[in-house]
Amino acid sequence: MGKGGSIYMMTNEFNTVIYIGVTSDLLSRISEHKNKKYLGSFTSRYKISKLIYYETFHDIEEAIAREKQLKGGSRKKKVALIESMNPKWEDLYDKLDW
């Protein structure tokens, strides 16, 4: 079995932009976004720093497939998915307990 992975959605302070990403290390990756490690990146430019949704997978290939599926969906479907886990769009980063 390969290394596991996660997909995640993040937004800005006003919940106007939804960013979807995939990673094999969710805590580290979200920390990089929050600390603006890559200054020219999309998340830095649009001030995206709030983790609002995530899913974990046993295999990174599953996570990549899910990321592609989510990116191809409508904003309405993304909002419904976010609100099924996080109806108040709170930052979930500090609630991660791994």
N, C-alpha and C. Protein backbone atom coordinates (compact mmCIF):
# COMPACT_ATOMS: atom_id res chain seq x y z
N MET A 1 0.85 -1.19 0.00
CA MET A 1 0.00 0.00 0.00
C MET A 1 0.89 1.24 0.00
N GLY A 2 0.47 2.25 -0.76
CA GLY A 2 1.22 3.50 -0.83
C GLY A 2 0.96 4.39 0.36
N LYS A 3 1.59 5.53 0.33
CA LYS A 3 1.42 6.51 1.40
C LYS A 3 0.04 7.15 1.30
N GLY A 4 -0.55 7.41 2.45
CA GLY A 4 -1.87 8.02 2.48
C GLY A 4 -1.84 9.48 2.05
N GLY A 5 -3.03 10.06 1.95
CA GLY A 5 -3.13 11.44 1.53
C GLY A 5 -4.42 12.08 2.00
N SER A 6 -4.52 13.36 1.78
CA SER A 6 -5.70 14.12 2.15
C SER A 6 -6.02 15.13 1.06
N ILE A 7 -7.30 15.42 0.94
CA ILE A 7 -7.71 16.58 0.16
C ILE A 7 -8.21 17.60 1.17
N TYR A 8 -8.13 18.86 0.80
CA TYR A 8 -8.57 19.90 1.72
C TYR A 8 -9.12 21.07 0.95
N MET A 9 -9.99 21.82 1.61
CA MET A 9 -10.50 23.07 1.06
C MET A 9 -10.20 24.17 2.06
N MET A 10 -9.77 25.29 1.51
CA MET A 10 -9.46 26.46 2.31
C MET A 10 -10.16 27.67 1.72
N THR A 11 -10.29 28.70 2.54
CA THR A 11 -10.90 29.94 2.07
C THR A 11 -10.24 31.13 2.74
N ASN A 12 -10.70 32.30 2.35
CA ASN A 12 -10.18 33.54 2.94
C ASN A 12 -11.10 33.98 4.08
N GLU A 13 -10.79 35.09 4.66
CA GLU A 13 -11.54 35.62 5.81
C GLU A 13 -13.03 35.83 5.49
N PHE A 14 -13.33 36.15 4.23
CA PHE A 14 -14.71 36.47 3.85
C PHE A 14 -15.43 35.30 3.18
N ASN A 15 -14.79 34.15 3.09
CA ASN A 15 -15.37 32.94 2.48
C ASN A 15 -15.75 33.14 1.02
N THR A 16 -15.01 33.97 0.31
CA THR A 16 -15.36 34.25 -1.08
C THR A 16 -14.60 33.40 -2.09
N VAL A 17 -13.48 32.82 -1.67
CA VAL A 17 -12.66 32.01 -2.57
C VAL A 17 -12.51 30.63 -1.95
N ILE A 18 -12.71 29.58 -2.75
CA ILE A 18 -12.49 28.22 -2.28
C ILE A 18 -11.29 27.64 -3.02
N TYR A 19 -10.31 27.21 -2.25
CA TYR A 19 -9.11 26.58 -2.80
C TYR A 19 -9.14 25.10 -2.43
N ILE A 20 -8.86 24.24 -3.38
CA ILE A 20 -8.82 22.80 -3.14
C ILE A 20 -7.40 22.31 -3.41
N GLY A 21 -6.87 21.53 -2.47
CA GLY A 21 -5.54 20.97 -2.63
C GLY A 21 -5.47 19.52 -2.18
N VAL A 22 -4.34 18.90 -2.46
CA VAL A 22 -4.08 17.51 -2.06
C VAL A 22 -2.68 17.45 -1.45
N THR A 23 -2.49 16.61 -0.46
CA THR A 23 -1.20 16.51 0.22
C THR A 23 -1.05 15.15 0.90
N SER A 24 0.18 14.79 1.17
CA SER A 24 0.44 13.58 1.96
C SER A 24 0.68 13.94 3.43
N ASP A 25 0.72 15.23 3.76
CA ASP A 25 0.94 15.69 5.13
C ASP A 25 0.08 16.93 5.38
N LEU A 26 -1.15 16.71 5.81
CA LEU A 26 -2.13 17.79 5.94
C LEU A 26 -1.68 18.89 6.91
N LEU A 27 -1.21 18.52 8.09
CA LEU A 27 -0.82 19.53 9.07
C LEU A 27 0.29 20.44 8.53
N SER A 28 1.31 19.84 7.96
CA SER A 28 2.42 20.65 7.43
C SER A 28 1.97 21.53 6.27
N ARG A 29 1.16 20.97 5.39
CA ARG A 29 0.74 21.74 4.21
C ARG A 29 -0.12 22.93 4.60
N ILE A 30 -1.05 22.73 5.52
CA ILE A 30 -1.91 23.85 5.95
C ILE A 30 -1.06 24.90 6.66
N SER A 31 -0.10 24.46 7.45
CA SER A 31 0.81 25.40 8.11
C SER A 31 1.56 26.24 7.08
N GLU A 32 2.00 25.61 5.98
CA GLU A 32 2.67 26.37 4.92
C GLU A 32 1.76 27.44 4.33
N HIS A 33 0.50 27.08 4.10
CA HIS A 33 -0.46 28.08 3.58
C HIS A 33 -0.63 29.21 4.59
N LYS A 34 -0.85 28.88 5.85
CA LYS A 34 -1.10 29.89 6.87
C LYS A 34 0.10 30.84 7.05
N ASN A 35 1.29 30.30 6.90
CA ASN A 35 2.50 31.09 7.07
C ASN A 35 3.02 31.69 5.77
N LYS A 36 2.23 31.54 4.71
CA LYS A 36 2.56 32.11 3.39
C LYS A 36 3.98 31.76 2.96
N LYS A 37 4.29 30.47 3.04
CA LYS A 37 5.63 30.00 2.69
C LYS A 37 5.99 30.34 1.25
N TYR A 38 5.00 30.26 0.36
CA TYR A 38 5.24 30.55 -1.06
C TYR A 38 4.52 31.85 -1.40
N LEU A 39 5.25 32.94 -1.34
CA LEU A 39 4.65 34.28 -1.44
C LEU A 39 3.91 34.55 -2.75
N GLY A 40 4.31 33.95 -3.84
CA GLY A 40 3.64 34.19 -5.11
C GLY A 40 2.50 33.24 -5.39
N SER A 41 2.20 32.36 -4.45
CA SER A 41 1.18 31.33 -4.69
C SER A 41 -0.23 31.92 -4.68
N PHE A 42 -1.16 31.15 -5.23
CA PHE A 42 -2.57 31.54 -5.26
C PHE A 42 -3.08 31.83 -3.85
N THR A 43 -2.76 30.94 -2.90
CA THR A 43 -3.29 31.12 -1.55
C THR A 43 -2.71 32.36 -0.87
N SER A 44 -1.48 32.69 -1.16
CA SER A 44 -0.90 33.91 -0.60
C SER A 44 -1.53 35.15 -1.22
N ARG A 45 -1.67 35.15 -2.53
CA ARG A 45 -2.23 36.32 -3.22
C ARG A 45 -3.66 36.60 -2.80
N TYR A 46 -4.45 35.54 -2.55
CA TYR A 46 -5.86 35.73 -2.20
C TYR A 46 -6.12 35.61 -0.69
N LYS A 47 -5.03 35.62 0.09
CA LYS A 47 -5.12 35.61 1.56
C LYS A 47 -5.96 34.43 2.08
N ILE A 48 -5.71 33.27 1.50
CA ILE A 48 -6.43 32.05 1.88
C ILE A 48 -5.66 31.39 3.02
N SER A 49 -6.29 31.29 4.18
CA SER A 49 -5.59 30.74 5.34
C SER A 49 -6.49 29.92 6.26
N LYS A 50 -7.74 29.72 5.90
CA LYS A 50 -8.68 29.04 6.78
C LYS A 50 -9.03 27.66 6.22
N LEU A 51 -8.70 26.61 6.96
CA LEU A 51 -9.05 25.24 6.58
C LEU A 51 -10.53 25.02 6.91
N ILE A 52 -11.33 24.72 5.88
CA ILE A 52 -12.76 24.58 6.12
C ILE A 52 -13.30 23.18 5.83
N TYR A 53 -12.49 22.31 5.20
CA TYR A 53 -12.95 20.96 4.88
C TYR A 53 -11.74 20.09 4.57
N TYR A 54 -11.84 18.82 4.91
CA TYR A 54 -10.79 17.88 4.52
C TYR A 54 -11.33 16.45 4.53
N GLU A 55 -10.69 15.61 3.79
CA GLU A 55 -10.95 14.16 3.78
C GLU A 55 -9.61 13.47 3.76
N THR A 56 -9.50 12.32 4.41
CA THR A 56 -8.26 11.55 4.40
C THR A 56 -8.47 10.23 3.67
N PHE A 57 -7.39 9.72 3.09
CA PHE A 57 -7.42 8.50 2.29
C PHE A 57 -6.22 7.63 2.65
N HIS A 58 -6.37 6.33 2.47
CA HIS A 58 -5.27 5.40 2.72
C HIS A 58 -4.19 5.48 1.66
N ASP A 59 -4.56 5.97 0.49
CA ASP A 59 -3.65 5.97 -0.65
C ASP A 59 -3.67 7.36 -1.30
N ILE A 60 -2.51 7.91 -1.61
CA ILE A 60 -2.42 9.25 -2.21
C ILE A 60 -3.13 9.29 -3.56
N GLU A 61 -3.13 8.20 -4.30
CA GLU A 61 -3.81 8.19 -5.60
C GLU A 61 -5.32 8.40 -5.44
N GLU A 62 -5.89 7.85 -4.36
CA GLU A 62 -7.31 8.08 -4.08
C GLU A 62 -7.56 9.57 -3.81
N ALA A 63 -6.66 10.17 -3.05
CA ALA A 63 -6.79 11.60 -2.73
C ALA A 63 -6.71 12.45 -3.99
N ILE A 64 -5.78 12.11 -4.87
CA ILE A 64 -5.63 12.86 -6.12
C ILE A 64 -6.88 12.75 -6.98
N ALA A 65 -7.46 11.55 -7.05
CA ALA A 65 -8.69 11.35 -7.82
C ALA A 65 -9.84 12.16 -7.23
N ARG A 66 -9.93 12.20 -5.91
CA ARG A 66 -10.98 12.96 -5.25
C ARG A 66 -10.79 14.46 -5.49
N GLU A 67 -9.55 14.93 -5.44
CA GLU A 67 -9.26 16.34 -5.71
C GLU A 67 -9.77 16.72 -7.10
N LYS A 68 -9.46 15.91 -8.08
CA LYS A 68 -9.90 16.19 -9.45
C LYS A 68 -11.42 16.21 -9.55
N GLN A 69 -12.07 15.29 -8.85
CA GLN A 69 -13.53 15.24 -8.85
C GLN A 69 -14.11 16.53 -8.26
N LEU A 70 -13.56 16.96 -7.13
CA LEU A 70 -14.06 18.16 -6.48
C LEU A 70 -13.80 19.42 -7.30
N LYS A 71 -12.62 19.51 -7.90
CA LYS A 71 -12.30 20.68 -8.71
C LYS A 71 -13.22 20.78 -9.92
N GLY A 72 -13.72 19.66 -10.40
CA GLY A 72 -14.61 19.66 -11.55
C GLY A 72 -16.05 19.99 -11.21
N GLY A 73 -16.38 20.02 -9.92
CA GLY A 73 -17.76 20.28 -9.50
C GLY A 73 -18.06 21.77 -9.40
N SER A 74 -19.33 22.06 -9.25
CA SER A 74 -19.78 23.44 -9.14
C SER A 74 -19.50 24.00 -7.74
N ARG A 75 -19.49 25.31 -7.64
CA ARG A 75 -19.32 25.95 -6.33
C ARG A 75 -20.45 25.53 -5.39
N LYS A 76 -21.65 25.41 -5.91
CA LYS A 76 -22.80 25.01 -5.10
C LYS A 76 -22.56 23.66 -4.44
N LYS A 77 -22.02 22.71 -5.18
CA LYS A 77 -21.72 21.38 -4.62
C LYS A 77 -20.61 21.46 -3.58
N LYS A 78 -19.62 22.30 -3.83
CA LYS A 78 -18.52 22.46 -2.87
C LYS A 78 -19.04 23.06 -1.57
N VAL A 79 -19.89 24.07 -1.67
CA VAL A 79 -20.46 24.71 -0.48
C VAL A 79 -21.29 23.70 0.31
N ALA A 80 -22.08 22.89 -0.37
CA ALA A 80 -22.89 21.88 0.31
C ALA A 80 -22.00 20.88 1.05
N LEU A 81 -20.91 20.48 0.43
CA LEU A 81 -19.99 19.54 1.05
C LEU A 81 -19.32 20.17 2.27
N ILE A 82 -18.87 21.39 2.13
CA ILE A 82 -18.25 22.11 3.25
C ILE A 82 -19.24 22.20 4.41
N GLU A 83 -20.45 22.61 4.12
CA GLU A 83 -21.44 22.83 5.17
C GLU A 83 -21.92 21.53 5.81
N SER A 84 -21.73 20.39 5.13
CA SER A 84 -22.09 19.10 5.75
C SER A 84 -21.12 18.76 6.89
N MET A 85 -19.89 19.25 6.81
CA MET A 85 -18.89 19.01 7.85
C MET A 85 -18.71 20.22 8.76
N ASN A 86 -18.88 21.39 8.21
CA ASN A 86 -18.50 22.62 8.88
C ASN A 86 -19.50 23.74 8.55
N PRO A 87 -20.71 23.66 9.09
CA PRO A 87 -21.77 24.62 8.71
C PRO A 87 -21.43 26.09 8.97
N LYS A 88 -20.56 26.37 9.92
CA LYS A 88 -20.21 27.77 10.24
C LYS A 88 -18.93 28.22 9.54
N TRP A 89 -18.34 27.36 8.71
CA TRP A 89 -17.11 27.67 7.99
C TRP A 89 -16.00 28.10 8.95
N GLU A 90 -15.89 27.39 10.06
CA GLU A 90 -14.85 27.68 11.04
C GLU A 90 -13.52 27.11 10.57
N ASP A 91 -12.43 27.68 11.07
CA ASP A 91 -11.10 27.17 10.76
C ASP A 91 -10.91 25.87 11.53
N LEU A 92 -10.71 24.77 10.80
CA LEU A 92 -10.59 23.46 11.42
C LEU A 92 -9.14 23.10 11.77
N TYR A 93 -8.21 23.92 11.41
CA TYR A 93 -6.79 23.60 11.59
C TYR A 93 -6.47 23.25 13.05
N ASP A 94 -6.91 24.06 14.00
CA ASP A 94 -6.59 23.82 15.40
C ASP A 94 -7.35 22.63 15.98
N LYS A 95 -8.33 22.13 15.26
CA LYS A 95 -9.11 20.97 15.72
C LYS A 95 -8.53 19.65 15.21
N LEU A 96 -7.55 19.73 14.33
CA LEU A 96 -6.89 18.52 13.85
C LEU A 96 -6.09 17.95 15.02
N ASP A 97 -6.25 16.67 15.27
CA ASP A 97 -5.59 16.09 16.45
C ASP A 97 -4.67 14.92 16.10
N TRP A 98 -3.91 15.07 15.03
CA TRP A 98 -2.98 14.00 14.70
C TRP A 98 -1.63 14.49 14.97
